[in-house]
């Protein structure tokens, strides 16, 4: 039985790698494509940190970091428990990739790179409320966070552990994006925000704590 599990794991890992790298390539392509669109509303240091060379360098840095840290965590699990973790992690991982692509395709020409240091919207930016955005305000960020945690259960490497922790910073970035959308869309944004949750519970309460702590610092 353990031999069959190992064969299954190898196949699942390769499938996850192909799907993950394919999704990353699709996201980078759309990010670079978005850089050519006329700039509209900007907040913070968006005009400095969201330039194409910086975005390319940051992407390459994270890819290199992922490669260097792609080493197994020092844990040993019984084969049955390992199988459960990998199946559960695989479901989360692949479902998250689907959610991310769905969100990206729904945004269409409204997709753009952003940062916790600043947000940039397009000149003809629209408030998207259909697709996954009809259910949660940040489906793509939620997808990235869940994909990293699902990837941690699937691959149990130092890379996935680091990214799973780092991507929680998207909670803060989402708040910055909401501020930019509020400035641009005003009451239309407020109505949307009242009717559609930002995340899924209990993450909603976690985001509120992050926002409260940030308000105290400011």
C-alpha atoms as a PDB file:
ATOM      1  CA  UNK A   1       0.000   0.000   0.000  1.00  0.00           C
ATOM      2  CA  UNK A   2       2.711   2.627   0.829  1.00  0.00           C
ATOM      3  CA  UNK A   3       4.223   2.049  -2.638  1.00  0.00           C
ATOM      4  CA  UNK A   4       0.886   2.845  -4.276  1.00  0.00           C
ATOM      5  CA  UNK A   5       0.559   5.937  -2.102  1.00  0.00           C
ATOM      6  CA  UNK A   6       3.974   7.129  -3.247  1.00  0.00           C
ATOM      7  CA  UNK A   7       3.006   6.720  -6.908  1.00  0.00           C
ATOM      8  CA  UNK A   8      -0.226   8.620  -6.253  1.00  0.00           C
ATOM      9  CA  UNK A   9       1.676  11.394  -4.451  1.00  0.00           C
ATOM     10  CA  UNK A  10       4.153  11.846  -7.278  1.00  0.00           C
ATOM     11  CA  UNK A  11       1.365  12.136  -9.826  1.00  0.00           C
ATOM     12  CA  UNK A  12      -0.620  14.550  -7.667  1.00  0.00           C
ATOM     13  CA  UNK A  13       2.470  16.674  -7.006  1.00  0.00           C
ATOM     14  CA  UNK A  14       3.296  16.937 -10.698  1.00  0.00           C
ATOM     15  CA  UNK A  15      -0.299  17.800 -11.561  1.00  0.00           C
ATOM     16  CA  UNK A  16      -0.294  20.481  -8.869  1.00  0.00           C
ATOM     17  CA  UNK A  17       3.007  21.900 -10.133  1.00  0.00           C
ATOM     18  CA  UNK A  18       1.716  22.142 -13.706  1.00  0.00           C
ATOM     19  CA  UNK A  19      -1.560  23.745 -12.607  1.00  0.00           C
ATOM     20  CA  UNK A  20       0.164  26.143 -10.190  1.00  0.00           C
ATOM     21  CA  UNK A  21       2.848  27.292 -12.628  1.00  0.00           C
ATOM     22  CA  UNK A  22       0.274  27.613 -15.391  1.00  0.00           C
ATOM     23  CA  UNK A  23      -1.904  29.821 -13.196  1.00  0.00           C
ATOM     24  CA  UNK A  24       1.115  31.914 -12.207  1.00  0.00           C
ATOM     25  CA  UNK A  25       2.105  32.385 -15.853  1.00  0.00           C
ATOM     26  CA  UNK A  26      -1.452  33.410 -16.725  1.00  0.00           C
ATOM     27  CA  UNK A  27      -1.493  35.935 -13.869  1.00  0.00           C
ATOM     28  CA  UNK A  28       1.889  37.417 -14.845  1.00  0.00           C
ATOM     29  CA  UNK A  29       0.796  37.708 -18.479  1.00  0.00           C
ATOM     30  CA  UNK A  30      -2.325  39.626 -17.447  1.00  0.00           C
ATOM     31  CA  UNK A  31      -0.307  41.785 -15.048  1.00  0.00           C
ATOM     32  CA  UNK A  32       2.091  42.847 -17.806  1.00  0.00           C
ATOM     33  CA  UNK A  33      -0.809  43.366 -20.190  1.00  0.00           C
ATOM     34  CA  UNK A  34      -2.485  45.634 -17.631  1.00  0.00           C
ATOM     35  CA  UNK A  35       0.620  47.819 -17.426  1.00  0.00           C
ATOM     36  CA  UNK A  36      -0.143  49.144 -20.917  1.00  0.00           C
ATOM     37  CA  UNK A  37      -3.583  50.477 -19.995  1.00  0.00           C
ATOM     38  CA  UNK A  38      -4.072  54.193 -19.176  1.00  0.00           C
ATOM     39  CA  UNK A  39      -3.647  54.939 -15.482  1.00  0.00           C
ATOM     40  CA  UNK A  40      -6.562  56.291 -13.472  1.00  0.00           C
ATOM     41  CA  UNK A  41      -7.047  56.531  -9.689  1.00  0.00           C
ATOM     42  CA  UNK A  42      -3.838  55.985  -7.684  1.00  0.00           C
ATOM     43  CA  UNK A  43      -3.182  55.884  -3.953  1.00  0.00           C
ATOM     44  CA  UNK A  44      -0.036  55.762  -1.841  1.00  0.00           C
ATOM     45  CA  UNK A  45       3.209  55.074  -3.681  1.00  0.00           C
ATOM     46  CA  UNK A  46       1.594  53.230  -6.592  1.00  0.00           C
ATOM     47  CA  UNK A  47       3.325  55.378  -9.212  1.00  0.00           C
ATOM     48  CA  UNK A  48       6.708  54.274  -7.812  1.00  0.00           C
ATOM     49  CA  UNK A  49       6.293  50.643  -6.740  1.00  0.00           C
ATOM     50  CA  UNK A  50       3.965  49.416  -9.489  1.00  0.00           C
ATOM     51  CA  UNK A  51       6.293  50.029 -12.415  1.00  0.00           C
ATOM     52  CA  UNK A  52       6.857  47.153 -14.808  1.00  0.00           C
ATOM     53  CA  UNK A  53      10.584  46.599 -13.999  1.00  0.00           C
ATOM     54  CA  UNK A  54       9.860  46.412 -10.264  1.00  0.00           C
ATOM     55  CA  UNK A  55       6.973  43.991 -10.790  1.00  0.00           C
ATOM     56  CA  UNK A  56       9.124  41.733 -12.978  1.00  0.00           C
ATOM     57  CA  UNK A  57      11.985  41.803 -10.452  1.00  0.00           C
ATOM     58  CA  UNK A  58       9.601  41.019  -7.581  1.00  0.00           C
ATOM     59  CA  UNK A  59       8.091  38.100  -9.513  1.00  0.00           C
ATOM     60  CA  UNK A  60      11.517  36.654 -10.329  1.00  0.00           C
ATOM     61  CA  UNK A  61      12.602  37.097  -6.713  1.00  0.00           C
ATOM     62  CA  UNK A  62       9.652  35.103  -5.393  1.00  0.00           C
ATOM     63  CA  UNK A  63      10.160  32.380  -8.009  1.00  0.00           C
ATOM     64  CA  UNK A  64      13.847  32.115  -7.021  1.00  0.00           C
ATOM     65  CA  UNK A  65      12.939  32.110  -3.326  1.00  0.00           C
ATOM     66  CA  UNK A  66      10.419  29.326  -3.937  1.00  0.00           C
ATOM     67  CA  UNK A  67      13.056  27.285  -5.745  1.00  0.00           C
ATOM     68  CA  UNK A  68      15.727  27.741  -3.067  1.00  0.00           C
ATOM     69  CA  UNK A  69      13.390  26.865  -0.187  1.00  0.00           C
ATOM     70  CA  UNK A  70      11.727  23.931  -1.922  1.00  0.00           C
ATOM     71  CA  UNK A  71      12.888  21.458   0.703  1.00  0.00           C
ATOM     72  CA  UNK A  72      10.700  19.130   2.800  1.00  0.00           C
ATOM     73  CA  UNK A  73       9.747  20.152   6.306  1.00  0.00           C
ATOM     74  CA  UNK A  74      11.353  17.972   9.016  1.00  0.00           C
ATOM     75  CA  UNK A  75       8.190  16.026   9.816  1.00  0.00           C
ATOM     76  CA  UNK A  76       7.361  12.354   9.445  1.00  0.00           C
ATOM     77  CA  UNK A  77       3.731  11.292   9.173  1.00  0.00           C
ATOM     78  CA  UNK A  78       2.146   7.831   9.018  1.00  0.00           C
ATOM     79  CA  UNK A  79       1.219   7.022   5.427  1.00  0.00           C
ATOM     80  CA  UNK A  80      -2.528   7.102   6.115  1.00  0.00           C
ATOM     81  CA  UNK A  81      -2.389  10.538   7.761  1.00  0.00           C
ATOM     82  CA  UNK A  82      -0.113  11.773   4.981  1.00  0.00           C
ATOM     83  CA  UNK A  83      -2.648  10.584   2.418  1.00  0.00           C
ATOM     84  CA  UNK A  84      -5.481  12.404   4.198  1.00  0.00           C
ATOM     85  CA  UNK A  85      -3.455  15.627   4.340  1.00  0.00           C
ATOM     86  CA  UNK A  86      -2.516  15.424   0.674  1.00  0.00           C
ATOM     87  CA  UNK A  87      -6.056  14.697  -0.472  1.00  0.00           C
ATOM     88  CA  UNK A  88      -7.467  17.527   1.627  1.00  0.00           C
ATOM     89  CA  UNK A  89      -4.674  19.877   0.559  1.00  0.00           C
ATOM     90  CA  UNK A  90      -5.122  18.911  -3.089  1.00  0.00           C
ATOM     91  CA  UNK A  91      -8.828  19.713  -3.011  1.00  0.00           C
ATOM     92  CA  UNK A  92      -8.148  23.132  -1.469  1.00  0.00           C
ATOM     93  CA  UNK A  93      -5.240  23.826  -3.817  1.00  0.00           C
ATOM     94  CA  UNK A  94      -6.961  22.986  -7.098  1.00  0.00           C
ATOM     95  CA  UNK A  95     -10.266  24.584  -6.073  1.00  0.00           C
ATOM     96  CA  UNK A  96      -8.373  27.768  -5.174  1.00  0.00           C
ATOM     97  CA  UNK A  97      -6.678  27.887  -8.573  1.00  0.00           C
ATOM     98  CA  UNK A  98     -10.075  27.587 -10.247  1.00  0.00           C
ATOM     99  CA  UNK A  99     -11.432  30.404  -8.068  1.00  0.00           C
ATOM    100  CA  UNK A 100      -8.425  32.586  -8.914  1.00  0.00           C
ATOM    101  CA  UNK A 101      -8.789  32.109 -12.680  1.00  0.00           C
ATOM    102  CA  UNK A 102     -12.542  32.670 -12.422  1.00  0.00           C
ATOM    103  CA  UNK A 103     -11.944  35.943 -10.588  1.00  0.00           C
ATOM    104  CA  UNK A 104      -9.259  37.040 -13.032  1.00  0.00           C
ATOM    105  CA  UNK A 105     -11.412  36.341 -16.074  1.00  0.00           C
ATOM    106  CA  UNK A 106     -14.357  38.124 -14.453  1.00  0.00           C
ATOM    107  CA  UNK A 107     -12.250  41.232 -13.834  1.00  0.00           C
ATOM    108  CA  UNK A 108     -11.090  41.253 -17.441  1.00  0.00           C
ATOM    109  CA  UNK A 109      -9.574  44.625 -18.331  1.00  0.00           C
ATOM    110  CA  UNK A 110     -10.102  45.837 -14.740  1.00  0.00           C
ATOM    111  CA  UNK A 111      -7.330  43.569 -13.467  1.00  0.00           C
ATOM    112  CA  UNK A 112      -4.191  45.373 -12.333  1.00  0.00           C
ATOM    113  CA  UNK A 113      -1.239  44.859 -10.021  1.00  0.00           C
ATOM    114  CA  UNK A 114      -1.439  46.365  -6.559  1.00  0.00           C
ATOM    115  CA  UNK A 115       0.606  46.584  -3.397  1.00  0.00           C
ATOM    116  CA  UNK A 116       0.233  47.323   0.268  1.00  0.00           C
ATOM    117  CA  UNK A 117       2.209  50.499  -0.520  1.00  0.00           C
ATOM    118  CA  UNK A 118      -0.239  51.743  -3.118  1.00  0.00           C
ATOM    119  CA  UNK A 119      -3.103  50.918  -5.471  1.00  0.00           C
ATOM    120  CA  UNK A 120      -3.546  51.853  -9.121  1.00  0.00           C
ATOM    121  CA  UNK A 121      -6.824  51.651 -11.013  1.00  0.00           C
ATOM    122  CA  UNK A 122      -7.393  52.111 -14.749  1.00  0.00           C
ATOM    123  CA  UNK A 123      -8.952  55.195 -16.309  1.00  0.00           C
ATOM    124  CA  UNK A 124     -12.064  53.244 -17.278  1.00  0.00           C
ATOM    125  CA  UNK A 125     -12.124  51.057 -14.190  1.00  0.00           C
ATOM    126  CA  UNK A 126     -15.487  49.483 -13.437  1.00  0.00           C
ATOM    127  CA  UNK A 127     -16.904  48.123 -10.204  1.00  0.00           C
ATOM    128  CA  UNK A 128     -17.268  44.389 -10.848  1.00  0.00           C
ATOM    129  CA  UNK A 129     -20.109  42.751  -8.928  1.00  0.00           C
ATOM    130  CA  UNK A 130     -20.751  39.594 -10.944  1.00  0.00           C
ATOM    131  CA  UNK A 131     -19.101  36.186 -11.027  1.00  0.00           C
ATOM    132  CA  UNK A 132     -17.335  35.355  -7.750  1.00  0.00           C
ATOM    133  CA  UNK A 133     -17.547  39.047  -6.815  1.00  0.00           C
ATOM    134  CA  UNK A 134     -21.267  38.580  -6.287  1.00  0.00           C
ATOM    135  CA  UNK A 135     -20.442  36.378  -3.273  1.00  0.00           C
ATOM    136  CA  UNK A 136     -17.235  37.845  -1.790  1.00  0.00           C
ATOM    137  CA  UNK A 137     -15.374  41.086  -2.448  1.00  0.00           C
ATOM    138  CA  UNK A 138     -11.898  39.514  -2.628  1.00  0.00           C
ATOM    139  CA  UNK A 139     -12.175  36.109  -4.325  1.00  0.00           C
ATOM    140  CA  UNK A 140      -8.709  36.261  -5.910  1.00  0.00           C
ATOM    141  CA  UNK A 141      -6.935  37.142  -2.669  1.00  0.00           C
ATOM    142  CA  UNK A 142      -8.894  34.454  -0.860  1.00  0.00           C
ATOM    143  CA  UNK A 143      -7.866  32.018  -3.603  1.00  0.00           C
ATOM    144  CA  UNK A 144      -4.173  32.862  -3.172  1.00  0.00           C
ATOM    145  CA  UNK A 145      -4.322  32.456   0.599  1.00  0.00           C
ATOM    146  CA  UNK A 146      -6.160  29.128   0.402  1.00  0.00           C
ATOM    147  CA  UNK A 147      -3.923  27.864  -2.417  1.00  0.00           C
ATOM    148  CA  UNK A 148      -0.851  28.445  -0.247  1.00  0.00           C
ATOM    149  CA  UNK A 149      -2.333  26.638   2.739  1.00  0.00           C
ATOM    150  CA  UNK A 150      -3.625  23.848   0.517  1.00  0.00           C
ATOM    151  CA  UNK A 151      -0.177  23.674  -1.074  1.00  0.00           C
ATOM    152  CA  UNK A 152       1.374  23.383   2.371  1.00  0.00           C
ATOM    153  CA  UNK A 153      -0.734  20.297   3.113  1.00  0.00           C
ATOM    154  CA  UNK A 154      -0.018  18.917  -0.339  1.00  0.00           C
ATOM    155  CA  UNK A 155       3.742  19.505  -0.570  1.00  0.00           C
ATOM    156  CA  UNK A 156       4.796  20.197   3.079  1.00  0.00           C
ATOM    157  CA  UNK A 157       7.865  22.211   2.040  1.00  0.00           C
ATOM    158  CA  UNK A 158       9.522  25.290   3.514  1.00  0.00           C
ATOM    159  CA  UNK A 159       8.441  27.257   0.454  1.00  0.00           C
ATOM    160  CA  UNK A 160       4.755  26.623   1.026  1.00  0.00           C
ATOM    161  CA  UNK A 161       5.058  27.328   4.752  1.00  0.00           C
ATOM    162  CA  UNK A 162       6.681  30.701   4.050  1.00  0.00           C
ATOM    163  CA  UNK A 163       4.152  31.644   1.382  1.00  0.00           C
ATOM    164  CA  UNK A 164       1.212  30.506   3.521  1.00  0.00           C
ATOM    165  CA  UNK A 165       2.304  32.976   6.212  1.00  0.00           C
ATOM    166  CA  UNK A 166       3.344  35.761   3.843  1.00  0.00           C
ATOM    167  CA  UNK A 167       0.121  35.729   1.849  1.00  0.00           C
ATOM    168  CA  UNK A 168      -1.843  36.657   4.961  1.00  0.00           C
ATOM    169  CA  UNK A 169      -0.520  40.128   4.164  1.00  0.00           C
ATOM    170  CA  UNK A 170      -3.140  40.217   1.415  1.00  0.00           C
ATOM    171  CA  UNK A 171      -5.645  41.034   4.167  1.00  0.00           C
ATOM    172  CA  UNK A 172      -3.931  44.399   4.520  1.00  0.00           C
ATOM    173  CA  UNK A 173      -3.560  44.910   0.757  1.00  0.00           C
ATOM    174  CA  UNK A 174      -7.285  44.255   0.301  1.00  0.00           C
ATOM    175  CA  UNK A 175      -8.034  47.031   2.735  1.00  0.00           C
ATOM    176  CA  UNK A 176      -5.911  49.449   0.690  1.00  0.00           C
ATOM    177  CA  UNK A 177      -7.721  48.442  -2.485  1.00  0.00           C
ATOM    178  CA  UNK A 178     -11.075  49.031  -0.826  1.00  0.00           C
ATOM    179  CA  UNK A 179     -10.009  52.551   0.104  1.00  0.00           C
ATOM    180  CA  UNK A 180      -9.168  53.275  -3.550  1.00  0.00           C
ATOM    181  CA  UNK A 181     -12.475  51.811  -4.745  1.00  0.00           C
ATOM    182  CA  UNK A 182     -14.384  53.859  -2.183  1.00  0.00           C
ATOM    183  CA  UNK A 183     -12.720  57.048  -3.416  1.00  0.00           C
ATOM    184  CA  UNK A 184     -13.571  56.235  -7.033  1.00  0.00           C
ATOM    185  CA  UNK A 185     -17.084  54.794  -6.749  1.00  0.00           C
ATOM    186  CA  UNK A 186     -18.414  56.441  -3.578  1.00  0.00           C
ATOM    187  CA  UNK A 187     -21.934  55.372  -2.665  1.00  0.00           C
ATOM    188  CA  UNK A 188     -21.974  52.620  -5.295  1.00  0.00           C
ATOM    189  CA  UNK A 189     -19.066  50.982  -3.489  1.00  0.00           C
ATOM    190  CA  UNK A 190     -20.660  51.444  -0.070  1.00  0.00           C
ATOM    191  CA  UNK A 191     -23.857  49.723  -1.231  1.00  0.00           C
ATOM    192  CA  UNK A 192     -21.864  46.833  -2.666  1.00  0.00           C
ATOM    193  CA  UNK A 193     -19.821  46.543   0.516  1.00  0.00           C
ATOM    194  CA  UNK A 194     -22.923  46.398   2.687  1.00  0.00           C
ATOM    195  CA  UNK A 195     -24.418  43.526   0.687  1.00  0.00           C
ATOM    196  CA  UNK A 196     -21.334  41.404  -0.087  1.00  0.00           C
ATOM    197  CA  UNK A 197     -18.884  40.132   2.568  1.00  0.00           C
ATOM    198  CA  UNK A 198     -15.195  40.747   2.031  1.00  0.00           C
ATOM    199  CA  UNK A 199     -14.144  37.210   2.855  1.00  0.00           C
ATOM    200  CA  UNK A 200     -15.664  34.130   4.426  1.00  0.00           C
ATOM    201  CA  UNK A 201     -16.253  33.700   8.124  1.00  0.00           C
ATOM    202  CA  UNK A 202     -14.328  33.463  10.392  1.00  0.00           C
ATOM    203  CA  UNK A 203     -11.802  35.328   8.216  1.00  0.00           C
ATOM    204  CA  UNK A 204     -14.075  38.377   8.300  1.00  0.00           C
ATOM    205  CA  UNK A 205     -13.409  38.829  12.007  1.00  0.00           C
ATOM    206  CA  UNK A 206      -9.683  38.325  11.450  1.00  0.00           C
ATOM    207  CA  UNK A 207      -9.635  41.084   8.825  1.00  0.00           C
ATOM    208  CA  UNK A 208     -11.498  43.372  11.212  1.00  0.00           C
ATOM    209  CA  UNK A 209      -8.813  42.829  13.839  1.00  0.00           C
ATOM    210  CA  UNK A 210      -6.088  43.600  11.300  1.00  0.00           C
ATOM    211  CA  UNK A 211      -7.888  46.801  10.310  1.00  0.00           C
ATOM    212  CA  UNK A 212      -8.418  47.821  13.927  1.00  0.00           C
ATOM    213  CA  UNK A 213      -4.728  47.336  14.730  1.00  0.00           C
ATOM    214  CA  UNK A 214      -3.723  49.300  11.639  1.00  0.00           C
ATOM    215  CA  UNK A 215      -6.040  52.162  12.627  1.00  0.00           C
ATOM    216  CA  UNK A 216      -4.342  52.319  16.016  1.00  0.00           C
ATOM    217  CA  UNK A 217      -0.915  52.548  14.355  1.00  0.00           C
ATOM    218  CA  UNK A 218      -2.103  55.312  12.044  1.00  0.00           C
END
